C-alpha atoms as a PDB file:
ATOM      1  CA  MET A   1      75.322  35.234 118.223  1.00  0.00           C
ATOM      2  CA  ARG A   2      77.656  32.063 117.464  1.00  0.00           C
ATOM      3  CA  ILE A   3      80.566  34.235 118.728  1.00  0.00           C
ATOM      4  CA  GLY A   4      79.107  34.523 122.091  1.00  0.00           C
ATOM      5  CA  LEU A   5      78.209  30.947 121.875  1.00  0.00           C
ATOM      6  CA  ARG A   6      81.447  30.424 121.562  1.00  0.00           C
ATOM      7  CA  VAL A   7      83.004  32.890 124.123  1.00  0.00           C
ATOM      8  CA  SER A   8      80.828  31.644 126.544  1.00  0.00           C
ATOM      9  CA  LYS A   9      81.939  27.936 125.762  1.00  0.00           C
ATOM     10  CA  ALA A  10      85.183  29.027 125.956  1.00  0.00           C
ATOM     11  CA  VAL A  11      85.196  30.712 129.279  1.00  0.00           C
ATOM     12  CA  ILE A  12      82.940  27.570 130.824  1.00  0.00           C
ATOM     13  CA  LEU A  13      85.466  25.456 130.073  1.00  0.00           C
ATOM     14  CA  ILE A  14      88.620  27.290 130.965  1.00  0.00           C
ATOM     15  CA  VAL A  15      86.510  27.638 134.769  1.00  0.00           C
ATOM     16  CA  LEU A  16      85.916  23.924 135.103  1.00  0.00           C
ATOM     17  CA  ILE A  17      89.507  23.882 133.679  1.00  0.00           C
ATOM     18  CA  VAL A  18      90.873  26.076 136.545  1.00  0.00           C
ATOM     19  CA  LEU A  19      88.357  24.401 139.524  1.00  0.00           C
ATOM     20  CA  MET A  20      89.954  21.051 138.234  1.00  0.00           C
ATOM     21  CA  ALA A  21      93.085  21.576 138.908  1.00  0.00           C
ATOM     22  CA  VAL A  22      92.469  23.509 142.248  1.00  0.00           C
ATOM     23  CA  VAL A  23      90.689  20.453 143.277  1.00  0.00           C
ATOM     24  CA  PHE A  24      93.624  18.002 141.997  1.00  0.00           C
ATOM     25  CA  SER A  25      96.604  19.887 142.375  1.00  0.00           C
ATOM     26  CA  GLY A  26      96.521  19.557 146.341  1.00  0.00           C
ATOM     27  CA  PRO A  27      98.134  17.345 148.482  1.00  0.00           C
ATOM     28  CA  LYS A  28      96.593  13.667 148.724  1.00  0.00           C
ATOM     29  CA  GLU A  29      96.556  11.785 151.340  1.00  0.00           C
ATOM     30  CA  SER A  30      99.042   9.027 152.450  1.00  0.00           C
ATOM     31  CA  ARG A  31      97.554   5.735 152.023  1.00  0.00           C
ATOM     32  CA  GLU A  32     101.002   4.568 154.010  1.00  0.00           C
ATOM     33  CA  THR A  33     101.317   3.718 158.155  1.00  0.00           C
ATOM     34  CA  PHE A  34     102.403   6.228 160.935  1.00  0.00           C
ATOM     35  CA  GLU A  35     105.002   3.385 161.070  1.00  0.00           C
ATOM     36  CA  THR A  36     106.577   3.574 157.640  1.00  0.00           C
ATOM     37  CA  VAL A  37     106.561   7.243 157.396  1.00  0.00           C
ATOM     38  CA  LEU A  38     108.159   7.736 160.652  1.00  0.00           C
ATOM     39  CA  SER A  39     111.214   4.700 159.765  1.00  0.00           C
ATOM     40  CA  LYS A  40     111.545   6.194 156.657  1.00  0.00           C
ATOM     41  CA  THR A  41     112.056   9.972 158.370  1.00  0.00           C
ATOM     42  CA  GLN A  42     114.357   8.625 160.772  1.00  0.00           C
ATOM     43  CA  GLU A  43     116.254   6.371 157.828  1.00  0.00           C
ATOM     44  CA  GLY A  44     120.202   6.818 157.877  1.00  0.00           C
ATOM     45  CA  LEU A  45     119.894   8.880 160.936  1.00  0.00           C
ATOM     46  CA  ASP A  46     121.655   9.646 164.068  1.00  0.00           C
ATOM     47  CA  LEU A  47     119.583  10.488 166.409  1.00  0.00           C
ATOM     48  CA  SER A  48     120.178   9.297 169.628  1.00  0.00           C
ATOM     49  CA  SER A  49     120.896  12.601 171.477  1.00  0.00           C
ATOM     50  CA  MET A  50     116.811  13.014 171.082  1.00  0.00           C
ATOM     51  CA  PRO A  51     115.058  10.715 172.875  1.00  0.00           C
ATOM     52  CA  GLY A  52     110.913  10.379 172.488  1.00  0.00           C
ATOM     53  CA  GLN A  53     109.046  11.875 174.345  1.00  0.00           C
ATOM     54  CA  ASP A  54     106.119  11.106 175.962  1.00  0.00           C
ATOM     55  CA  ASN A  55     102.030  12.573 175.369  1.00  0.00           C
ATOM     56  CA  GLN A  56     102.838  14.341 178.697  1.00  0.00           C
ATOM     57  CA  LYS A  57     105.781  16.079 177.475  1.00  0.00           C
ATOM     58  CA  ILE A  58     103.637  16.985 174.001  1.00  0.00           C
ATOM     59  CA  ARG A  59     100.901  18.814 175.750  1.00  0.00           C
ATOM     60  CA  GLU A  60     102.967  20.998 178.368  1.00  0.00           C
ATOM     61  CA  ILE A  61     105.903  21.889 174.973  1.00  0.00           C
ATOM     62  CA  PHE A  62     102.422  22.743 172.840  1.00  0.00           C
ATOM     63  CA  GLY A  63      99.868  22.626 174.601  1.00  0.00           C
ATOM     64  CA  LEU A  64      98.600  20.000 172.502  1.00  0.00           C
ATOM     65  CA  ASP A  65      95.998  17.023 173.138  1.00  0.00           C
ATOM     66  CA  PRO A  66      98.131  14.139 171.483  1.00  0.00           C
ATOM     67  CA  GLU A  67      95.089  11.561 171.637  1.00  0.00           C
ATOM     68  CA  SER A  68      92.957  14.023 169.450  1.00  0.00           C
ATOM     69  CA  PHE A  69      95.052  13.196 167.072  1.00  0.00           C
ATOM     70  CA  SER A  70      95.481   9.724 164.757  1.00  0.00           C
ATOM     71  CA  ALA A  71      99.099   9.174 165.741  1.00  0.00           C
ATOM     72  CA  ILE A  72     102.553  11.303 167.228  1.00  0.00           C
ATOM     73  CA  ALA A  73     106.150  11.623 167.774  1.00  0.00           C
ATOM     74  CA  TYR A  74     108.203  13.985 169.432  1.00  0.00           C
ATOM     75  CA  PHE A  75     111.591  13.471 170.337  1.00  0.00           C
ATOM     76  CA  LYS A  76     113.359  16.449 171.553  1.00  0.00           C
ATOM     77  CA  ILE A  77     117.062  17.020 172.280  1.00  0.00           C
ATOM     78  CA  ASP A  78     118.321  16.454 176.762  1.00  0.00           C
ATOM     79  CA  ASP A  79     120.815  19.862 176.088  1.00  0.00           C
ATOM     80  CA  VAL A  80     118.157  22.862 177.423  1.00  0.00           C
ATOM     81  CA  MET A  81     120.808  24.859 176.355  1.00  0.00           C
ATOM     82  CA  GLN A  82     119.914  23.591 172.653  1.00  0.00           C
ATOM     83  CA  ALA A  83     116.932  24.181 171.089  1.00  0.00           C
ATOM     84  CA  ASN A  84     116.774  20.401 168.566  1.00  0.00           C
ATOM     85  CA  GLU A  85     113.356  18.743 168.285  1.00  0.00           C
ATOM     86  CA  TYR A  86     111.209  17.057 165.788  1.00  0.00           C
ATOM     87  CA  MET A  87     107.876  15.976 165.099  1.00  0.00           C
ATOM     88  CA  LEU A  88     105.728  14.289 163.496  1.00  0.00           C
ATOM     89  CA  VAL A  89     102.195  13.474 163.267  1.00  0.00           C
ATOM     90  CA  GLN A  90      99.661  11.771 161.244  1.00  0.00           C
ATOM     91  CA  PHE A  91      95.845  13.852 161.276  1.00  0.00           C
ATOM     92  CA  ASN A  92      92.564  11.889 162.003  1.00  0.00           C
ATOM     93  CA  ASP A  93      91.487  14.782 159.526  1.00  0.00           C
ATOM     94  CA  LYS A  94      92.517  17.988 157.502  1.00  0.00           C
ATOM     95  CA  SER A  95      91.008  20.572 159.916  1.00  0.00           C
ATOM     96  CA  GLN A  96      93.631  19.512 162.983  1.00  0.00           C
ATOM     97  CA  SER A  97      96.981  21.284 161.057  1.00  0.00           C
ATOM     98  CA  LYS A  98      95.223  24.582 161.227  1.00  0.00           C
ATOM     99  CA  ALA A  99      95.779  24.071 165.808  1.00  0.00           C
ATOM    100  CA  PHE A 100      99.381  22.428 164.570  1.00  0.00           C
ATOM    101  CA  GLU A 101     100.749  24.723 163.008  1.00  0.00           C
ATOM    102  CA  ASP A 102      99.743  27.599 164.746  1.00  0.00           C
ATOM    103  CA  ALA A 103     101.325  25.555 168.388  1.00  0.00           C
ATOM    104  CA  VAL A 104     104.614  25.181 166.123  1.00  0.00           C
ATOM    105  CA  GLN A 105     104.976  28.225 165.079  1.00  0.00           C
ATOM    106  CA  LYS A 106     104.264  28.693 168.581  1.00  0.00           C
ATOM    107  CA  ARG A 107     106.529  27.438 169.963  1.00  0.00           C
ATOM    108  CA  ILE A 108     108.900  28.825 167.255  1.00  0.00           C
ATOM    109  CA  ASP A 109     108.396  32.195 168.470  1.00  0.00           C
ATOM    110  CA  GLU A 110     108.975  30.821 172.638  1.00  0.00           C
ATOM    111  CA  GLN A 111     111.928  29.425 171.842  1.00  0.00           C
ATOM    112  CA  ILE A 112     114.015  32.148 169.547  1.00  0.00           C
ATOM    113  CA  ASN A 113     112.797  34.442 172.767  1.00  0.00           C
ATOM    114  CA  LEU A 114     114.214  31.933 175.044  1.00  0.00           C
ATOM    115  CA  TYR A 115     117.457  31.205 173.077  1.00  0.00           C
ATOM    116  CA  GLU A 116     118.130  35.216 171.467  1.00  0.00           C
ATOM    117  CA  GLY A 117     120.592  37.480 172.632  1.00  0.00           C
ATOM    118  CA  TYR A 118     122.405  34.230 174.511  1.00  0.00           C
ATOM    119  CA  ALA A 119     122.828  31.090 171.783  1.00  0.00           C
ATOM    120  CA  PRO A 120     123.190  32.979 168.048  1.00  0.00           C
ATOM    121  CA  ASP A 121     123.110  29.051 166.532  1.00  0.00           C
ATOM    122  CA  GLU A 122     120.310  27.763 168.563  1.00  0.00           C
ATOM    123  CA  VAL A 123     118.459  31.173 167.328  1.00  0.00           C
ATOM    124  CA  GLN A 124     119.628  30.254 162.599  1.00  0.00           C
ATOM    125  CA  LEU A 125     118.382  26.911 163.550  1.00  0.00           C
ATOM    126  CA  LEU A 126     114.983  27.953 165.195  1.00  0.00           C
ATOM    127  CA  ASP A 127     114.558  30.646 162.276  1.00  0.00           C
ATOM    128  CA  ASP A 128     115.795  27.822 159.845  1.00  0.00           C
ATOM    129  CA  ALA A 129     112.828  25.238 161.195  1.00  0.00           C
ATOM    130  CA  ILE A 130     110.283  23.229 158.733  1.00  0.00           C
ATOM    131  CA  ILE A 131     106.789  23.693 159.168  1.00  0.00           C
ATOM    132  CA  ASP A 132     105.915  21.153 156.354  1.00  0.00           C
ATOM    133  CA  VAL A 133     101.419  20.413 156.359  1.00  0.00           C
ATOM    134  CA  GLN A 134     100.875  17.358 153.523  1.00  0.00           C
ATOM    135  CA  ALA A 135      97.525  16.647 153.693  1.00  0.00           C
ATOM    136  CA  ASN A 136      97.532  14.015 156.530  1.00  0.00           C
ATOM    137  CA  TYR A 137     100.566  14.324 158.143  1.00  0.00           C
ATOM    138  CA  ALA A 138     102.721  16.911 159.112  1.00  0.00           C
ATOM    139  CA  LEU A 139     106.660  17.374 159.646  1.00  0.00           C
ATOM    140  CA  TYR A 140     108.244  19.967 162.266  1.00  0.00           C
ATOM    141  CA  VAL A 141     111.847  19.736 162.803  1.00  0.00           C
ATOM    142  CA  VAL A 142     114.455  21.992 164.064  1.00  0.00           C
ATOM    143  CA  ASP A 143     117.905  20.677 163.471  1.00  0.00           C
ATOM    144  CA  ASP A 144     120.955  20.963 161.064  1.00  0.00           C
ATOM    145  CA  GLN A 145     119.689  17.670 159.368  1.00  0.00           C
ATOM    146  CA  ALA A 146     116.475  19.613 158.952  1.00  0.00           C
ATOM    147  CA  ALA A 147     116.962  19.405 154.919  1.00  0.00           C
ATOM    148  CA  GLN A 148     117.410  16.000 154.530  1.00  0.00           C
ATOM    149  CA  ILE A 149     114.892  15.356 157.609  1.00  0.00           C
ATOM    150  CA  HIS A 150     112.789  17.550 155.766  1.00  0.00           C
ATOM    151  CA  GLU A 151     113.178  15.528 151.430  1.00  0.00           C
ATOM    152  CA  GLN A 152     113.181  12.180 153.548  1.00  0.00           C
ATOM    153  CA  PHE A 153     109.858  13.055 155.491  1.00  0.00           C
ATOM    154  CA  LEU A 154     107.668  13.429 151.567  1.00  0.00           C
ATOM    155  CA  SER A 155     109.374  10.670 150.065  1.00  0.00           C
ATOM    156  CA  SER A 156     107.748   8.402 152.276  1.00  0.00           C
ATOM    157  CA  LEU A 157     104.417   9.376 151.408  1.00  0.00           C
END
């Protein structure tokens, strides 16, 4: 009887520890303002060839409604022969992340289909694209500097 009780207590303790680990290990919402995250993400980078795009362009390219997000910024190179672009989004709630990820993945797939066969460097950039959702923020990058932009994004949160 005592052994059964000890085993039961041990099992309950293990279940509680696992549950707490799952609950507390997920990404935590950043309290940084969108402007701060955007500024720190871009810090020290030459992004002059990627001008900011308006809400209409975001709707047209991604099928996303920019006004449904807390904040959004999209930058795209003007040269149609290049795939370079990046987007930073602040979600109103976590449920928006799935729609964002789906829209971005669809964009990547469309771009790969477009560049395949004649622009292998652009296809490689798209294959190396970064999509990272961190609780209330997300980043999408297609660029030679993607790793640095991603690192700065993570440290800005």
